[in-house]
Amino acid sequence: MLMTNLESVPGRTIVRHLGLVQGSTVRAKNIGRDIMAGLKNLVGGELKGYTELLQEARQEALERLTQQAAEVGANAVLNVRFTTSSVAQGAAELLAYGTAVELD
């Protein structure tokens, strides 16, 4: 499955527009990461536990987006974007969305 943040793929033609597809995941912080982040806040630097958590969430959201695109018959997803929102204290949704298309 081709995924891009571009609105088109150079050298390829959109044969069918299949609509909006999305994939999301809701993740909560865990106590281990919170403790390490609290300590890191004292000395500064990257919060690697949270970096890893967000990377895992992005990957899961993209996998779900890809699955939904395949279900509607797409071979590409264009204009892929990410967004986040808080859904509860200490938990956030990461949403990946884009336009499912069939390219030649």
PDB file of N, CA and C in Angstrom:
ATOM      1  N   MET A   1       0.862  -1.182   0.000  1.00  0.00           N
ATOM      2  CA  MET A   1       0.000   0.000   0.000  1.00  0.00           C
ATOM      3  C   MET A   1       0.896   1.229   0.000  1.00  0.00           C
ATOM      4  N   LEU A   2       0.735   2.080  -0.982  1.00  0.00           N
ATOM      5  CA  LEU A   2       1.480   3.327  -1.061  1.00  0.00           C
ATOM      6  C   LEU A   2       0.795   4.361  -0.169  1.00  0.00           C
ATOM      7  N   MET A   3       1.562   5.019   0.681  1.00  0.00           N
ATOM      8  CA  MET A   3       1.030   6.099   1.507  1.00  0.00           C
ATOM      9  C   MET A   3       1.923   7.312   1.343  1.00  0.00           C
ATOM     10  N   THR A   4       1.301   8.465   1.188  1.00  0.00           N
ATOM     11  CA  THR A   4       2.062   9.695   1.017  1.00  0.00           C
ATOM     12  C   THR A   4       1.278  10.865   1.597  1.00  0.00           C
ATOM     13  N   ASN A   5       2.017  11.903   1.974  1.00  0.00           N
ATOM     14  CA  ASN A   5       1.349  13.118   2.428  1.00  0.00           C
ATOM     15  C   ASN A   5       1.111  14.084   1.266  1.00  0.00           C
ATOM     16  N   LEU A   6       1.448  13.671   0.052  1.00  0.00           N
ATOM     17  CA  LEU A   6       1.174  14.463  -1.149  1.00  0.00           C
ATOM     18  C   LEU A   6      -0.272  14.266  -1.595  1.00  0.00           C
ATOM     19  N   GLU A   7      -0.770  15.208  -2.391  1.00  0.00           N
ATOM     20  CA  GLU A   7      -2.136  15.104  -2.911  1.00  0.00           C
ATOM     21  C   GLU A   7      -2.222  14.253  -4.164  1.00  0.00           C
ATOM     22  N   SER A   8      -1.086  13.913  -4.739  1.00  0.00           N
ATOM     23  CA  SER A   8      -1.024  13.051  -5.909  1.00  0.00           C
ATOM     24  C   SER A   8       0.337  12.378  -5.919  1.00  0.00           C
ATOM     25  N   VAL A   9       0.482  11.392  -6.803  1.00  0.00           N
ATOM     26  CA  VAL A   9       1.763  10.703  -6.932  1.00  0.00           C
ATOM     27  C   VAL A   9       2.299  11.016  -8.322  1.00  0.00           C
ATOM     28  N   PRO A  10       3.459  11.651  -8.395  1.00  0.00           N
ATOM     29  CA  PRO A  10       4.016  11.994  -9.705  1.00  0.00           C
ATOM     30  C   PRO A  10       4.127  10.757 -10.605  1.00  0.00           C
ATOM     31  N   GLY A  11       3.644  10.905 -11.838  1.00  0.00           N
ATOM     32  CA  GLY A  11       3.717   9.825 -12.805  1.00  0.00           C
ATOM     33  C   GLY A  11       2.591   8.809 -12.698  1.00  0.00           C
ATOM     34  N   ARG A  12       1.696   8.973 -11.731  1.00  0.00           N
ATOM     35  CA  ARG A  12       0.574   8.042 -11.553  1.00  0.00           C
ATOM     36  C   ARG A  12      -0.736   8.816 -11.683  1.00  0.00           C
ATOM     37  N   THR A  13      -1.767   8.129 -12.157  1.00  0.00           N
ATOM     38  CA  THR A  13      -3.083   8.728 -12.321  1.00  0.00           C
ATOM     39  C   THR A  13      -4.058   8.099 -11.345  1.00  0.00           C
ATOM     40  N   ILE A  14      -4.892   8.933 -10.745  1.00  0.00           N
ATOM     41  CA  ILE A  14      -5.942   8.419  -9.861  1.00  0.00           C
ATOM     42  C   ILE A  14      -7.050   7.860 -10.737  1.00  0.00           C
ATOM     43  N   VAL A  15      -7.312   6.556 -10.591  1.00  0.00           N
ATOM     44  CA  VAL A  15      -8.337   5.876 -11.367  1.00  0.00           C
ATOM     45  C   VAL A  15      -9.687   5.961 -10.656  1.00  0.00           C
ATOM     46  N   ARG A  16      -9.652   5.772  -9.315  1.00  0.00           N
ATOM     47  CA  ARG A  16     -10.888   5.846  -8.518  1.00  0.00           C
ATOM     48  C   ARG A  16     -10.593   6.523  -7.194  1.00  0.00           C
ATOM     49  N   HIS A  17     -11.520   7.367  -6.784  1.00  0.00           N
ATOM     50  CA  HIS A  17     -11.476   8.004  -5.468  1.00  0.00           C
ATOM     51  C   HIS A  17     -12.386   7.187  -4.566  1.00  0.00           C
ATOM     52  N   LEU A  18     -11.842   6.660  -3.470  1.00  0.00           N
ATOM     53  CA  LEU A  18     -12.599   5.748  -2.612  1.00  0.00           C
ATOM     54  C   LEU A  18     -12.983   6.352  -1.270  1.00  0.00           C
ATOM     55  N   GLY A  19     -12.633   7.596  -1.048  1.00  0.00           N
ATOM     56  CA  GLY A  19     -13.075   8.287   0.150  1.00  0.00           C
ATOM     57  C   GLY A  19     -12.058   8.331   1.278  1.00  0.00           C
ATOM     58  N   LEU A  20     -12.501   8.927   2.348  1.00  0.00           N
ATOM     59  CA  LEU A  20     -11.675   9.111   3.537  1.00  0.00           C
ATOM     60  C   LEU A  20     -11.513   7.794   4.277  1.00  0.00           C
ATOM     61  N   VAL A  21     -10.295   7.509   4.703  1.00  0.00           N
ATOM     62  CA  VAL A  21     -10.018   6.350   5.557  1.00  0.00           C
ATOM     63  C   VAL A  21      -9.250   6.843   6.770  1.00  0.00           C
ATOM     64  N   GLN A  22      -9.367   6.087   7.851  1.00  0.00           N
ATOM     65  CA  GLN A  22      -8.700   6.499   9.077  1.00  0.00           C
ATOM     66  C   GLN A  22      -8.324   5.297   9.919  1.00  0.00           C
ATOM     67  N   GLY A  23      -7.400   5.527  10.801  1.00  0.00           N
ATOM     68  CA  GLY A  23      -7.011   4.532  11.787  1.00  0.00           C
ATOM     69  C   GLY A  23      -6.643   5.275  13.050  1.00  0.00           C
ATOM     70  N   SER A  24      -7.048   4.755  14.199  1.00  0.00           N
ATOM     71  CA  SER A  24      -6.737   5.455  15.434  1.00  0.00           C
ATOM     72  C   SER A  24      -6.407   4.478  16.547  1.00  0.00           C
ATOM     73  N   THR A  25      -5.801   5.007  17.584  1.00  0.00           N
ATOM     74  CA  THR A  25      -5.521   4.259  18.790  1.00  0.00           C
ATOM     75  C   THR A  25      -5.561   5.237  19.953  1.00  0.00           C
ATOM     76  N   VAL A  26      -5.998   4.740  21.090  1.00  0.00           N
ATOM     77  CA  VAL A  26      -6.001   5.547  22.313  1.00  0.00           C
ATOM     78  C   VAL A  26      -4.958   4.935  23.236  1.00  0.00           C
ATOM     79  N   ARG A  27      -4.042   5.748  23.691  1.00  0.00           N
ATOM     80  CA  ARG A  27      -2.955   5.268  24.542  1.00  0.00           C
ATOM     81  C   ARG A  27      -2.945   6.047  25.850  1.00  0.00           C
ATOM     82  N   ALA A  28      -2.600   5.343  26.908  1.00  0.00           N
ATOM     83  CA  ALA A  28      -2.465   5.957  28.226  1.00  0.00           C
ATOM     84  C   ALA A  28      -1.005   5.870  28.658  1.00  0.00           C
ATOM     85  N   LYS A  29      -0.580   6.868  29.404  1.00  0.00           N
ATOM     86  CA  LYS A  29       0.756   6.831  29.981  1.00  0.00           C
ATOM     87  C   LYS A  29       0.775   5.726  31.028  1.00  0.00           C
ATOM     88  N   ASN A  30       1.961   5.184  31.305  1.00  0.00           N
ATOM     89  CA  ASN A  30       2.037   4.205  32.381  1.00  0.00           C
ATOM     90  C   ASN A  30       2.970   4.704  33.477  1.00  0.00           C
ATOM     91  N   ILE A  31       2.850   4.128  34.638  1.00  0.00           N
ATOM     92  CA  ILE A  31       3.565   4.615  35.811  1.00  0.00           C
ATOM     93  C   ILE A  31       5.076   4.608  35.610  1.00  0.00           C
ATOM     94  N   GLY A  32       5.624   3.571  34.956  1.00  0.00           N
ATOM     95  CA  GLY A  32       7.069   3.520  34.720  1.00  0.00           C
ATOM     96  C   GLY A  32       7.554   4.678  33.886  1.00  0.00           C
ATOM     97  N   ARG A  33       6.824   4.958  32.815  1.00  0.00           N
ATOM     98  CA  ARG A  33       7.211   6.078  31.946  1.00  0.00           C
ATOM     99  C   ARG A  33       7.030   7.405  32.671  1.00  0.00           C
ATOM    100  N   ASP A  34       5.975   7.518  33.492  1.00  0.00           N
ATOM    101  CA  ASP A  34       5.747   8.755  34.239  1.00  0.00           C
ATOM    102  C   ASP A  34       6.876   9.032  35.224  1.00  0.00           C
ATOM    103  N   ILE A  35       7.339   8.003  35.914  1.00  0.00           N
ATOM    104  CA  ILE A  35       8.432   8.187  36.877  1.00  0.00           C
ATOM    105  C   ILE A  35       9.695   8.646  36.159  1.00  0.00           C
ATOM    106  N   MET A  36      10.023   7.969  35.055  1.00  0.00           N
ATOM    107  CA  MET A  36      11.226   8.340  34.307  1.00  0.00           C
ATOM    108  C   MET A  36      11.099   9.746  33.712  1.00  0.00           C
ATOM    109  N   ALA A  37       9.908  10.093  33.244  1.00  0.00           N
ATOM    110  CA  ALA A  37       9.695  11.429  32.682  1.00  0.00           C
ATOM    111  C   ALA A  37       9.835  12.489  33.767  1.00  0.00           C
ATOM    112  N   GLY A  38       9.329  12.195  34.953  1.00  0.00           N
ATOM    113  CA  GLY A  38       9.454  13.136  36.066  1.00  0.00           C
ATOM    114  C   GLY A  38      10.907  13.385  36.418  1.00  0.00           C
ATOM    115  N   LEU A  39      11.703  12.336  36.448  1.00  0.00           N
ATOM    116  CA  LEU A  39      13.134  12.491  36.729  1.00  0.00           C
ATOM    117  C   LEU A  39      13.829  13.270  35.622  1.00  0.00           C
ATOM    118  N   LYS A  40      13.468  12.979  34.377  1.00  0.00           N
ATOM    119  CA  LYS A  40      14.087  13.659  33.235  1.00  0.00           C
ATOM    120  C   LYS A  40      13.729  15.140  33.232  1.00  0.00           C
ATOM    121  N   ASN A  41      12.535  15.482  33.702  1.00  0.00           N
ATOM    122  CA  ASN A  41      12.134  16.890  33.770  1.00  0.00           C
ATOM    123  C   ASN A  41      13.053  17.691  34.687  1.00  0.00           C
ATOM    124  N   LEU A  42      13.630  17.028  35.678  1.00  0.00           N
ATOM    125  CA  LEU A  42      14.529  17.715  36.604  1.00  0.00           C
ATOM    126  C   LEU A  42      15.854  18.096  35.946  1.00  0.00           C
ATOM    127  N   VAL A  43      16.341  17.243  35.043  1.00  0.00           N
ATOM    128  CA  VAL A  43      17.650  17.482  34.437  1.00  0.00           C
ATOM    129  C   VAL A  43      17.572  17.899  32.973  1.00  0.00           C
ATOM    130  N   GLY A  44      16.423  17.750  32.359  1.00  0.00           N
ATOM    131  CA  GLY A  44      16.263  18.124  30.964  1.00  0.00           C
ATOM    132  C   GLY A  44      16.609  16.989  30.024  1.00  0.00           C
ATOM    133  N   GLY A  45      16.204  17.103  28.767  1.00  0.00           N
ATOM    134  CA  GLY A  45      16.504  16.101  27.759  1.00  0.00           C
ATOM    135  C   GLY A  45      15.254  15.446  27.218  1.00  0.00           C
ATOM    136  N   GLU A  46      15.488  14.534  26.300  1.00  0.00           N
ATOM    137  CA  GLU A  46      14.390  13.834  25.635  1.00  0.00           C
ATOM    138  C   GLU A  46      13.697  12.868  26.591  1.00  0.00           C
ATOM    139  N   LEU A  47      12.391  12.826  26.521  1.00  0.00           N
ATOM    140  CA  LEU A  47      11.590  11.873  27.298  1.00  0.00           C
ATOM    141  C   LEU A  47      11.396  10.642  26.417  1.00  0.00           C
ATOM    142  N   LYS A  48      12.383   9.757  26.424  1.00  0.00           N
ATOM    143  CA  LYS A  48      12.414   8.630  25.488  1.00  0.00           C
ATOM    144  C   LYS A  48      11.230   7.692  25.651  1.00  0.00           C
ATOM    145  N   GLY A  49      10.740   7.507  26.873  1.00  0.00           N
ATOM    146  CA  GLY A  49       9.572   6.648  27.078  1.00  0.00           C
ATOM    147  C   GLY A  49       8.353   7.169  26.334  1.00  0.00           C
ATOM    148  N   TYR A  50       8.162   8.488  26.356  1.00  0.00           N
ATOM    149  CA  TYR A  50       7.027   9.079  25.645  1.00  0.00           C
ATOM    150  C   TYR A  50       7.264   9.082  24.136  1.00  0.00           C
ATOM    151  N   THR A  51       8.509   9.287  23.724  1.00  0.00           N
ATOM    152  CA  THR A  51       8.840   9.214  22.301  1.00  0.00           C
ATOM    153  C   THR A  51       8.485   7.835  21.755  1.00  0.00           C
ATOM    154  N   GLU A  52       8.865   6.792  22.487  1.00  0.00           N
ATOM    155  CA  GLU A  52       8.547   5.421  22.074  1.00  0.00           C
ATOM    156  C   GLU A  52       7.040   5.176  22.063  1.00  0.00           C
ATOM    157  N   LEU A  53       6.349   5.675  23.072  1.00  0.00           N
ATOM    158  CA  LEU A  53       4.893   5.510  23.150  1.00  0.00           C
ATOM    159  C   LEU A  53       4.218   6.141  21.929  1.00  0.00           C
ATOM    160  N   LEU A  54       4.638   7.337  21.562  1.00  0.00           N
ATOM    161  CA  LEU A  54       4.037   8.013  20.404  1.00  0.00           C
ATOM    162  C   LEU A  54       4.383   7.315  19.106  1.00  0.00           C
ATOM    163  N   GLN A  55       5.610   6.821  18.988  1.00  0.00           N
ATOM    164  CA  GLN A  55       5.988   6.094  17.776  1.00  0.00           C
ATOM    165  C   GLN A  55       5.147   4.826  17.618  1.00  0.00           C
ATOM    166  N   GLU A  56       4.948   4.097  18.714  1.00  0.00           N
ATOM    167  CA  GLU A  56       4.099   2.901  18.676  1.00  0.00           C
ATOM    168  C   GLU A  56       2.672   3.255  18.291  1.00  0.00           C
ATOM    169  N   ALA A  57       2.164   4.360  18.823  1.00  0.00           N
ATOM    170  CA  ALA A  57       0.801   4.788  18.518  1.00  0.00           C
ATOM    171  C   ALA A  57       0.667   5.176  17.042  1.00  0.00           C
ATOM    172  N   ARG A  58       1.653   5.897  16.501  1.00  0.00           N
ATOM    173  CA  ARG A  58       1.620   6.266  15.081  1.00  0.00           C
ATOM    174  C   ARG A  58       1.614   5.025  14.203  1.00  0.00           C
ATOM    175  N   GLN A  59       2.468   4.064  14.538  1.00  0.00           N
ATOM    176  CA  GLN A  59       2.554   2.834  13.749  1.00  0.00           C
ATOM    177  C   GLN A  59       1.234   2.068  13.776  1.00  0.00           C
ATOM    178  N   GLU A  60       0.627   1.947  14.946  1.00  0.00           N
ATOM    179  CA  GLU A  60      -0.650   1.237  15.056  1.00  0.00           C
ATOM    180  C   GLU A  60      -1.753   1.957  14.282  1.00  0.00           C
ATOM    181  N   ALA A  61      -1.791   3.286  14.374  1.00  0.00           N
ATOM    182  CA  ALA A  61      -2.795   4.051  13.630  1.00  0.00           C
ATOM    183  C   ALA A  61      -2.606   3.871  12.129  1.00  0.00           C
ATOM    184  N   LEU A  62      -1.359   3.877  11.651  1.00  0.00           N
ATOM    185  CA  LEU A  62      -1.094   3.669  10.222  1.00  0.00           C
ATOM    186  C   LEU A  62      -1.487   2.260   9.774  1.00  0.00           C
ATOM    187  N   GLU A  63      -1.243   1.266  10.606  1.00  0.00           N
ATOM    188  CA  GLU A  63      -1.641  -0.102  10.265  1.00  0.00           C
ATOM    189  C   GLU A  63      -3.160  -0.199  10.135  1.00  0.00           C
ATOM    190  N   ARG A  64      -3.890   0.457  11.021  1.00  0.00           N
ATOM    191  CA  ARG A  64      -5.353   0.438  10.957  1.00  0.00           C
ATOM    192  C   ARG A  64      -5.861   1.215   9.751  1.00  0.00           C
ATOM    193  N   LEU A  65      -5.200   2.328   9.412  1.00  0.00           N
ATOM    194  CA  LEU A  65      -5.554   3.093   8.214  1.00  0.00           C
ATOM    195  C   LEU A  65      -5.334   2.240   6.972  1.00  0.00           C
ATOM    196  N   THR A  66      -4.204   1.549   6.908  1.00  0.00           N
ATOM    197  CA  THR A  66      -3.889   0.682   5.768  1.00  0.00           C
ATOM    198  C   THR A  66      -4.918  -0.430   5.626  1.00  0.00           C
ATOM    199  N   GLN A  67      -5.323  -1.028   6.738  1.00  0.00           N
ATOM    200  CA  GLN A  67      -6.323  -2.092   6.712  1.00  0.00           C
ATOM    201  C   GLN A  67      -7.653  -1.572   6.173  1.00  0.00           C
ATOM    202  N   GLN A  68      -8.073  -0.405   6.641  1.00  0.00           N
ATOM    203  CA  GLN A  68      -9.339   0.153   6.163  1.00  0.00           C
ATOM    204  C   GLN A  68      -9.262   0.487   4.672  1.00  0.00           C
ATOM    205  N   ALA A  69      -8.125   1.012   4.232  1.00  0.00           N
ATOM    206  CA  ALA A  69      -7.953   1.339   2.809  1.00  0.00           C
ATOM    207  C   ALA A  69      -8.014   0.080   1.958  1.00  0.00           C
ATOM    208  N   ALA A  70      -7.379  -0.988   2.406  1.00  0.00           N
ATOM    209  CA  ALA A  70      -7.410  -2.255   1.657  1.00  0.00           C
ATOM    210  C   ALA A  70      -8.828  -2.798   1.576  1.00  0.00           C
ATOM    211  N   GLU A  71      -9.601  -2.640   2.641  1.00  0.00           N
ATOM    212  CA  GLU A  71     -10.982  -3.133   2.659  1.00  0.00           C
ATOM    213  C   GLU A  71     -11.870  -2.449   1.628  1.00  0.00           C
ATOM    214  N   VAL A  72     -11.557  -1.199   1.275  1.00  0.00           N
ATOM    215  CA  VAL A  72     -12.362  -0.499   0.267  1.00  0.00           C
ATOM    216  C   VAL A  72     -11.766  -0.622  -1.130  1.00  0.00           C
ATOM    217  N   GLY A  73     -10.660  -1.383  -1.266  1.00  0.00           N
ATOM    218  CA  GLY A  73     -10.078  -1.638  -2.576  1.00  0.00           C
ATOM    219  C   GLY A  73      -9.004  -0.661  -3.024  1.00  0.00           C
ATOM    220  N   ALA A  74      -8.461   0.111  -2.101  1.00  0.00           N
ATOM    221  CA  ALA A  74      -7.435   1.090  -2.459  1.00  0.00           C
ATOM    222  C   ALA A  74      -6.071   0.420  -2.619  1.00  0.00           C
ATOM    223  N   ASN A  75      -5.234   1.029  -3.448  1.00  0.00           N
ATOM    224  CA  ASN A  75      -3.835   0.611  -3.500  1.00  0.00           C
ATOM    225  C   ASN A  75      -2.914   1.752  -3.067  1.00  0.00           C
ATOM    226  N   ALA A  76      -3.541   2.869  -2.632  1.00  0.00           N
ATOM    227  CA  ALA A  76      -2.769   4.011  -2.135  1.00  0.00           C
ATOM    228  C   ALA A  76      -3.645   4.875  -1.229  1.00  0.00           C
ATOM    229  N   VAL A  77      -2.982   5.586  -0.328  1.00  0.00           N
ATOM    230  CA  VAL A  77      -3.658   6.582   0.515  1.00  0.00           C
ATOM    231  C   VAL A  77      -2.877   7.880   0.357  1.00  0.00           C
ATOM    232  N   LEU A  78      -3.574   8.899  -0.086  1.00  0.00           N
ATOM    233  CA  LEU A  78      -2.966  10.202  -0.340  1.00  0.00           C
ATOM    234  C   LEU A  78      -3.287  11.172   0.787  1.00  0.00           C
ATOM    235  N   ASN A  79      -2.476  12.217   0.876  1.00  0.00           N
ATOM    236  CA  ASN A  79      -2.708  13.315   1.811  1.00  0.00           C
ATOM    237  C   ASN A  79      -2.819  12.812   3.257  1.00  0.00           C
ATOM    238  N   VAL A  80      -1.945  11.889   3.653  1.00  0.00           N
ATOM    239  CA  VAL A  80      -1.985  11.299   4.991  1.00  0.00           C
ATOM    240  C   VAL A  80      -1.591  12.348   6.028  1.00  0.00           C
ATOM    241  N   ARG A  81      -2.370  12.408   7.091  1.00  0.00           N
ATOM    242  CA  ARG A  81      -2.145  13.356   8.180  1.00  0.00           C
ATOM    243  C   ARG A  81      -2.315  12.646   9.513  1.00  0.00           C
ATOM    244  N   PHE A  82      -1.755  13.239  10.571  1.00  0.00           N
ATOM    245  CA  PHE A  82      -1.915  12.764  11.941  1.00  0.00           C
ATOM    246  C   PHE A  82      -2.516  13.876  12.782  1.00  0.00           C
ATOM    247  N   THR A  83      -3.301  13.492  13.763  1.00  0.00           N
ATOM    248  CA  THR A  83      -3.808  14.443  14.742  1.00  0.00           C
ATOM    249  C   THR A  83      -3.939  13.723  16.077  1.00  0.00           C
ATOM    250  N   THR A  84      -3.917  14.478  17.140  1.00  0.00           N
ATOM    251  CA  THR A  84      -4.084  13.906  18.468  1.00  0.00           C
ATOM    252  C   THR A  84      -5.151  14.677  19.218  1.00  0.00           C
ATOM    253  N   SER A  85      -5.752  14.003  20.183  1.00  0.00           N
ATOM    254  CA  SER A  85      -6.707  14.667  21.067  1.00  0.00           C
ATOM    255  C   SER A  85      -6.711  13.959  22.411  1.00  0.00           C
ATOM    256  N   SER A  86      -6.959  14.710  23.444  1.00  0.00           N
ATOM    257  CA  SER A  86      -7.036  14.157  24.785  1.00  0.00           C
ATOM    258  C   SER A  86      -8.434  13.579  24.980  1.00  0.00           C
ATOM    259  N   VAL A  87      -8.506  12.339  25.448  1.00  0.00           N
ATOM    260  CA  VAL A  87      -9.819  11.713  25.665  1.00  0.00           C
ATOM    261  C   VAL A  87     -10.111  11.471  27.133  1.00  0.00           C
ATOM    262  N   ALA A  88      -9.086  11.492  27.971  1.00  0.00           N
ATOM    263  CA  ALA A  88      -9.239  11.324  29.418  1.00  0.00           C
ATOM    264  C   ALA A  88      -7.953  11.791  30.074  1.00  0.00           C
ATOM    265  N   GLN A  89      -7.980  11.955  31.377  1.00  0.00           N
ATOM    266  CA  GLN A  89      -6.767  12.338  32.103  1.00  0.00           C
ATOM    267  C   GLN A  89      -5.678  11.291  31.854  1.00  0.00           C
ATOM    268  N   GLY A  90      -4.593  11.690  31.237  1.00  0.00           N
ATOM    269  CA  GLY A  90      -3.478  10.781  31.002  1.00  0.00           C
ATOM    270  C   GLY A  90      -3.629   9.877  29.788  1.00  0.00           C
ATOM    271  N   ALA A  91      -4.677  10.069  28.968  1.00  0.00           N
ATOM    272  CA  ALA A  91      -4.879   9.241  27.777  1.00  0.00           C
ATOM    273  C   ALA A  91      -5.165  10.134  26.577  1.00  0.00           C
ATOM    274  N   ALA A  92      -4.617   9.733  25.433  1.00  0.00           N
ATOM    275  CA  ALA A  92      -4.798  10.525  24.222  1.00  0.00           C
ATOM    276  C   ALA A  92      -5.051   9.613  23.034  1.00  0.00           C
ATOM    277  N   GLU A  93      -5.836  10.118  22.084  1.00  0.00           N
ATOM    278  CA  GLU A  93      -6.065   9.409  20.832  1.00  0.00           C
ATOM    279  C   GLU A  93      -5.094   9.952  19.800  1.00  0.00           C
ATOM    280  N   LEU A  94      -4.516   9.059  19.023  1.00  0.00           N
ATOM    281  CA  LEU A  94      -3.724   9.445  17.872  1.00  0.00           C
ATOM    282  C   LEU A  94      -4.473   8.937  16.646  1.00  0.00           C
ATOM    283  N   LEU A  95      -4.806   9.835  15.738  1.00  0.00           N
ATOM    284  CA  LEU A  95      -5.593   9.517  14.553  1.00  0.00           C
ATOM    285  C   LEU A  95      -4.761   9.770  13.309  1.00  0.00           C
ATOM    286  N   ALA A  96      -4.733   8.786  12.414  1.00  0.00           N
ATOM    287  CA  ALA A  96      -4.123   8.946  11.099  1.00  0.00           C
ATOM    288  C   ALA A  96      -5.262   8.889  10.077  1.00  0.00           C
ATOM    289  N   TYR A  97      -5.255   9.803   9.117  1.00  0.00           N
ATOM    290  CA  TYR A  97      -6.329   9.814   8.121  1.00  0.00           C
ATOM    291  C   TYR A  97      -5.785  10.264   6.768  1.00  0.00           C
ATOM    292  N   GLY A  98      -6.507   9.895   5.733  1.00  0.00           N
ATOM    293  CA  GLY A  98      -6.111  10.250   4.387  1.00  0.00           C
ATOM    294  C   GLY A  98      -7.189   9.869   3.390  1.00  0.00           C
ATOM    295  N   THR A  99      -6.888  10.026   2.119  1.00  0.00           N
ATOM    296  CA  THR A  99      -7.817   9.739   1.049  1.00  0.00           C
ATOM    297  C   THR A  99      -7.420   8.442   0.357  1.00  0.00           C
ATOM    298  N   ALA A 100      -8.311   7.461   0.387  1.00  0.00           N
ATOM    299  CA  ALA A 100      -8.059   6.177  -0.280  1.00  0.00           C
ATOM    300  C   ALA A 100      -8.338   6.332  -1.770  1.00  0.00           C
ATOM    301  N   VAL A 101      -7.408   5.831  -2.576  1.00  0.00           N
ATOM    302  CA  VAL A 101      -7.558   5.920  -4.023  1.00  0.00           C
ATOM    303  C   VAL A 101      -7.039   4.630  -4.664  1.00  0.00           C
ATOM    304  N   GLU A 102      -7.439   4.457  -5.906  1.00  0.00           N
ATOM    305  CA  GLU A 102      -6.837   3.422  -6.743  1.00  0.00           C
ATOM    306  C   GLU A 102      -6.022   4.160  -7.788  1.00  0.00           C
ATOM    307  N   LEU A 103      -4.740   3.838  -7.844  1.00  0.00           N
ATOM    308  CA  LEU A 103      -3.849   4.438  -8.835  1.00  0.00           C
ATOM    309  C   LEU A 103      -3.624   3.453  -9.977  1.00  0.00           C
ATOM    310  N   ASP A 104      -3.320   4.004 -11.179  1.00  0.00           N
ATOM    311  CA  ASP A 104      -2.996   3.118 -12.303  1.00  0.00           C
ATOM    312  C   ASP A 104      -1.671   2.448 -12.121  1.00  0.00           C
TER     313      ASP A 104
END
